[in-house]
């Protein structure tokens, strides 16, 4: 699931006419970097939630996404187009439903009834306003998570300057901690089990028919306090593209280092 429903207030005025996930980063829409990485990882179905200017996202990508062909010198195989489904929060409720509310709304698309087999009830989630060009959406990681019995597995990053306090801790065994002396920032990339969005962890009705707005952090903290969330540190390039200044810096880095 690609989270793309936010208004992008801190990115104004750029987001007054363009949704933040479509702002150009190094000649591509910001969200396309993640879509390409998901396709490289073998993900064949994408769910995108939309609200603010969501019709522009649908016009840009339609109902399928075919990643650009991989250069032969890179030795990577090409992948078939991924099917895209949209969870239209703006159309259905007039505004975004926040992270947990949006995921519950999209669950029928993410985990269709009748799906069977290992991993049928797990899915990737990432926000569309982060730039992590080298992240690997690994099938092996998804399989490990499916066998783990955990409700979520998060990728944490060293705290950026704008968020020195971080979000969550990590113990030596790989369990995520709701509070710790050393905290890290949640990258917004994670693997999730459908069970986290059902009772007793989440009291929103299945499919969120009422459009309840709810954040994700309280669900994660409750699960962490029951040792049901794992995590690892991601140390490669990662940027929360939350302001015009950070967007400009990313694009200037490419100009300085075109390779």
Protein backbone atom coordinates (compact mmCIF):
# COMPACT_ATOMS: atom_id res chain seq x y z
CA UNK A 1 0.00 0.00 0.00
CA UNK A 2 1.25 3.44 -0.96
CA UNK A 3 -0.03 6.20 1.30
CA UNK A 4 -0.77 9.18 -0.93
CA UNK A 5 -3.81 10.89 0.57
CA UNK A 6 -2.22 13.70 2.61
CA UNK A 7 -2.63 17.41 1.91
CA UNK A 8 1.09 18.19 2.13
CA UNK A 9 0.64 21.37 4.18
CA UNK A 10 4.36 21.84 4.90
CA UNK A 11 5.09 21.60 1.18
CA UNK A 12 2.82 24.50 0.23
CA UNK A 13 2.62 26.36 -2.09
CA UNK A 14 3.97 23.53 -4.27
CA UNK A 15 1.12 21.27 -3.24
CA UNK A 16 -1.64 23.79 -3.88
CA UNK A 17 -1.94 22.51 -7.46
CA UNK A 18 -0.02 19.21 -7.41
CA UNK A 19 -0.29 16.38 -4.85
CA UNK A 20 2.97 15.86 -2.99
CA UNK A 21 3.54 12.31 -4.32
CA UNK A 22 3.72 13.72 -7.85
CA UNK A 23 6.29 16.44 -7.14
CA UNK A 24 9.36 15.79 -9.31
CA UNK A 25 12.45 14.31 -7.69
CA UNK A 26 15.33 13.82 -10.12
CA UNK A 27 13.03 13.88 -13.15
CA UNK A 28 10.45 11.42 -11.76
CA UNK A 29 7.35 11.81 -9.59
CA UNK A 30 8.41 11.22 -5.98
CA UNK A 31 6.13 8.21 -5.54
CA UNK A 32 7.43 6.55 -8.71
CA UNK A 33 10.76 5.81 -7.03
CA UNK A 34 8.92 3.61 -4.52
CA UNK A 35 6.70 2.07 -7.17
CA UNK A 36 9.76 1.04 -9.17
CA UNK A 37 11.38 -0.45 -6.07
CA UNK A 38 8.23 -2.42 -5.28
CA UNK A 39 8.11 -3.74 -8.83
CA UNK A 40 11.77 -4.80 -8.59
CA UNK A 41 10.84 -6.72 -5.46
CA UNK A 42 8.25 -8.69 -7.38
CA UNK A 43 5.16 -6.93 -6.00
CA UNK A 44 2.40 -7.38 -8.58
CA UNK A 45 -0.49 -5.50 -6.92
CA UNK A 46 -0.38 -1.92 -5.68
CA UNK A 47 -3.06 -0.15 -3.63
CA UNK A 48 -2.88 3.65 -3.48
CA UNK A 49 -5.09 5.71 -1.18
CA UNK A 50 -5.93 9.19 -2.42
CA UNK A 51 -7.68 12.34 -1.22
CA UNK A 52 -6.10 15.72 -2.01
CA UNK A 53 -5.95 16.06 -5.83
CA UNK A 54 -6.12 12.30 -6.04
CA UNK A 55 -7.48 12.38 -9.57
CA UNK A 56 -4.08 13.60 -10.73
CA UNK A 57 -2.45 10.45 -9.33
CA UNK A 58 -4.96 8.26 -11.16
CA UNK A 59 -4.39 10.19 -14.38
CA UNK A 60 -0.64 9.76 -14.02
CA UNK A 61 -0.57 6.01 -13.40
CA UNK A 62 -3.92 4.59 -14.45
CA UNK A 63 -4.70 0.99 -13.52
CA UNK A 64 -1.24 -0.52 -14.08
CA UNK A 65 2.37 0.45 -13.55
CA UNK A 66 5.13 -0.81 -15.80
CA UNK A 67 8.59 0.09 -14.46
CA UNK A 68 11.12 1.39 -16.97
CA UNK A 69 13.24 -1.35 -18.55
CA UNK A 70 16.37 -2.12 -16.56
CA UNK A 71 19.61 -1.27 -18.39
CA UNK A 72 21.31 -4.43 -19.60
CA UNK A 73 24.54 -3.48 -17.84
CA UNK A 74 22.80 -3.63 -14.45
CA UNK A 75 22.03 -7.31 -14.82
CA UNK A 76 18.48 -6.90 -13.45
CA UNK A 77 15.48 -8.63 -14.95
CA UNK A 78 12.49 -6.64 -16.15
CA UNK A 79 9.14 -7.12 -14.43
CA UNK A 80 5.57 -7.25 -15.76
CA UNK A 81 3.21 -4.36 -15.00
CA UNK A 82 1.75 -4.21 -11.51
CA UNK A 83 -2.00 -3.87 -11.13
CA UNK A 84 -3.08 -0.65 -9.38
CA UNK A 85 -6.22 -0.25 -7.28
CA UNK A 86 -7.27 2.99 -5.62
CA UNK A 87 -8.87 3.64 -2.24
CA UNK A 88 -10.53 6.99 -2.90
CA UNK A 89 -10.87 8.58 0.54
CA UNK A 90 -11.40 12.07 -0.85
CA UNK A 91 -14.23 10.95 -3.11
CA UNK A 92 -15.87 8.77 -0.46
CA UNK A 93 -15.40 10.90 2.66
CA UNK A 94 -14.18 14.33 1.55
CA UNK A 95 -10.76 14.05 3.19
CA UNK A 96 -7.93 11.69 4.14
CA UNK A 97 -8.59 9.16 6.90
CA UNK A 98 -5.09 9.25 8.48
CA UNK A 99 -2.84 6.23 8.36
CA UNK A 100 -4.71 3.54 10.30
CA UNK A 101 -8.09 4.72 9.06
CA UNK A 102 -6.83 4.62 5.49
CA UNK A 103 -5.31 1.15 5.82
CA UNK A 104 -8.49 -0.31 7.32
CA UNK A 105 -10.48 1.26 4.48
CA UNK A 106 -8.15 -0.39 1.95
CA UNK A 107 -7.97 -3.83 3.60
CA UNK A 108 -10.52 -5.43 1.22
CA UNK A 109 -8.19 -4.47 -1.64
CA UNK A 110 -5.01 -5.45 0.19
CA UNK A 111 -6.21 -8.81 1.51
CA UNK A 112 -9.15 -9.95 -0.64
CA UNK A 113 -11.52 -12.53 0.78
CA UNK A 114 -10.61 -15.98 -0.40
CA UNK A 115 -6.88 -15.29 -0.72
CA UNK A 116 -4.95 -18.25 0.65
CA UNK A 117 -1.37 -19.32 1.24
CA UNK A 118 1.64 -18.00 3.09
CA UNK A 119 1.52 -14.23 3.18
CA UNK A 120 -2.11 -13.86 2.07
CA UNK A 121 -2.81 -11.58 5.05
CA UNK A 122 0.38 -9.48 4.99
CA UNK A 123 1.34 -6.46 2.93
CA UNK A 124 3.92 -3.73 2.54
CA UNK A 125 3.08 -0.15 3.54
CA UNK A 126 5.07 2.95 2.65
CA UNK A 127 4.31 6.64 2.60
CA UNK A 128 4.75 8.36 -0.74
CA UNK A 129 6.65 11.33 0.66
CA UNK A 130 9.93 9.53 1.40
CA UNK A 131 12.86 9.10 -0.97
CA UNK A 132 14.66 5.78 -0.49
CA UNK A 133 15.95 4.89 -3.95
CA UNK A 134 17.96 1.84 -2.85
CA UNK A 135 15.44 0.20 -0.55
CA UNK A 136 14.81 -3.45 -1.42
CA UNK A 137 11.24 -4.71 -1.00
CA UNK A 138 12.50 -8.23 -0.55
CA UNK A 139 10.30 -11.28 -1.04
CA UNK A 140 12.54 -13.09 1.45
CA UNK A 141 11.81 -10.40 4.07
CA UNK A 142 8.10 -10.78 3.46
CA UNK A 143 8.32 -14.56 3.85
CA UNK A 144 10.28 -14.23 7.11
CA UNK A 145 7.66 -11.84 8.42
CA UNK A 146 4.82 -14.14 7.41
CA UNK A 147 6.39 -16.92 9.49
CA UNK A 148 7.28 -14.72 12.46
CA UNK A 149 3.86 -14.38 14.07
CA UNK A 150 4.46 -10.65 14.48
CA UNK A 151 1.90 -7.97 13.65
CA UNK A 152 4.39 -5.60 12.00
CA UNK A 153 8.03 -5.30 10.99
CA UNK A 154 9.40 -1.76 10.67
CA UNK A 155 12.46 -0.24 9.06
CA UNK A 156 13.88 2.49 11.28
CA UNK A 157 16.42 5.13 10.28
CA UNK A 158 18.90 7.26 12.24
CA UNK A 159 17.13 10.40 13.37
CA UNK A 160 17.23 13.23 10.83
CA UNK A 161 17.92 16.78 11.95
CA UNK A 162 14.25 17.71 11.93
CA UNK A 163 13.30 14.82 14.23
CA UNK A 164 16.03 14.36 16.86
CA UNK A 165 13.81 12.50 19.35
CA UNK A 166 12.87 9.71 16.93
CA UNK A 167 9.82 7.44 17.20
CA UNK A 168 10.65 3.97 18.50
CA UNK A 169 13.43 1.98 20.12
CA UNK A 170 14.99 -1.35 19.22
CA UNK A 171 16.20 -4.03 21.59
CA UNK A 172 19.13 -6.40 20.86
CA UNK A 173 16.79 -9.22 19.85
CA UNK A 174 15.14 -7.15 17.10
CA UNK A 175 11.96 -6.21 18.96
CA UNK A 176 10.65 -2.69 18.44
CA UNK A 177 10.08 -0.70 21.64
CA UNK A 178 7.41 1.93 22.17
CA UNK A 179 9.80 3.88 24.41
CA UNK A 180 13.57 3.60 24.81
CA UNK A 181 16.59 5.66 25.72
CA UNK A 182 17.90 5.38 22.16
CA UNK A 183 15.15 5.96 19.66
CA UNK A 184 15.07 5.91 15.88
CA UNK A 185 12.77 7.42 13.30
CA UNK A 186 10.22 5.25 11.54
CA UNK A 187 11.05 5.32 7.83
CA UNK A 188 7.33 4.80 6.98
CA UNK A 189 8.31 1.50 5.30
CA UNK A 190 7.00 -1.64 6.96
CA UNK A 191 5.43 -5.05 6.61
CA UNK A 192 2.04 -5.48 8.26
CA UNK A 193 -0.34 -8.24 9.19
CA UNK A 194 -4.04 -7.74 8.62
CA UNK A 195 -4.51 -8.79 12.26
CA UNK A 196 -3.11 -5.46 13.52
CA UNK A 197 -6.15 -3.73 12.00
CA UNK A 198 -8.68 -6.00 13.65
CA UNK A 199 -9.80 -6.40 17.30
CA UNK A 200 -8.34 -6.30 19.89
CA UNK A 201 -5.78 -3.93 18.38
CA UNK A 202 -8.09 -1.83 16.24
CA UNK A 203 -11.78 -1.13 16.85
CA UNK A 204 -12.59 0.38 13.44
CA UNK A 205 -15.26 -1.63 11.61
CA UNK A 206 -13.98 -3.81 8.76
CA UNK A 207 -13.50 -1.73 5.64
CA UNK A 208 -14.03 1.49 7.64
CA UNK A 209 -17.47 2.20 6.15
CA UNK A 210 -17.97 5.26 8.36
CA UNK A 211 -14.69 6.88 7.31
CA UNK A 212 -13.18 6.94 10.81
CA UNK A 213 -9.95 8.94 10.98
CA UNK A 214 -7.27 7.24 13.08
CA UNK A 215 -3.47 7.35 13.37
CA UNK A 216 -1.25 4.27 13.18
CA UNK A 217 1.18 4.97 16.05
CA UNK A 218 -1.18 3.97 18.92
CA UNK A 219 -1.80 0.56 17.32
CA UNK A 220 1.93 0.02 16.87
CA UNK A 221 2.76 1.05 20.42
CA UNK A 222 0.14 -1.30 21.85
CA UNK A 223 1.51 -4.18 19.77
CA UNK A 224 5.09 -3.27 20.75
CA UNK A 225 4.15 -3.42 24.41
CA UNK A 226 3.10 -7.02 23.75
CA UNK A 227 6.35 -7.90 21.91
CA UNK A 228 4.52 -8.24 18.59
CA UNK A 229 6.48 -5.77 16.47
CA UNK A 230 9.98 -6.35 15.12
CA UNK A 231 12.28 -3.84 13.46
CA UNK A 232 15.67 -3.26 11.88
CA UNK A 233 17.81 -0.23 11.10
CA UNK A 234 18.04 1.01 7.52
CA UNK A 235 21.20 3.04 6.90
CA UNK A 236 21.16 3.69 3.15
CA UNK A 237 19.91 6.90 1.55
CA UNK A 238 16.58 8.04 2.99
CA UNK A 239 14.91 11.44 3.04
CA UNK A 240 11.58 12.59 4.39
CA UNK A 241 10.66 14.97 1.58
CA UNK A 242 8.50 17.11 3.82
CA UNK A 243 9.42 20.67 2.85
CA UNK A 244 10.28 22.60 -0.31
CA UNK A 245 13.81 23.00 1.02
CA UNK A 246 14.37 19.24 1.30
CA UNK A 247 12.92 18.70 -2.15
CA UNK A 248 15.24 21.33 -3.58
CA UNK A 249 18.25 19.80 -1.84
CA UNK A 250 17.52 16.36 -3.30
CA UNK A 251 17.33 17.77 -6.79
CA UNK A 252 20.47 19.85 -6.31
CA UNK A 253 22.36 16.76 -5.15
CA UNK A 254 21.57 15.15 -8.50
CA UNK A 255 22.86 18.20 -10.35
CA UNK A 256 26.11 18.07 -8.38
CA UNK A 257 26.48 14.31 -8.89
CA UNK A 258 24.68 13.34 -12.13
CA UNK A 259 25.92 9.74 -11.90
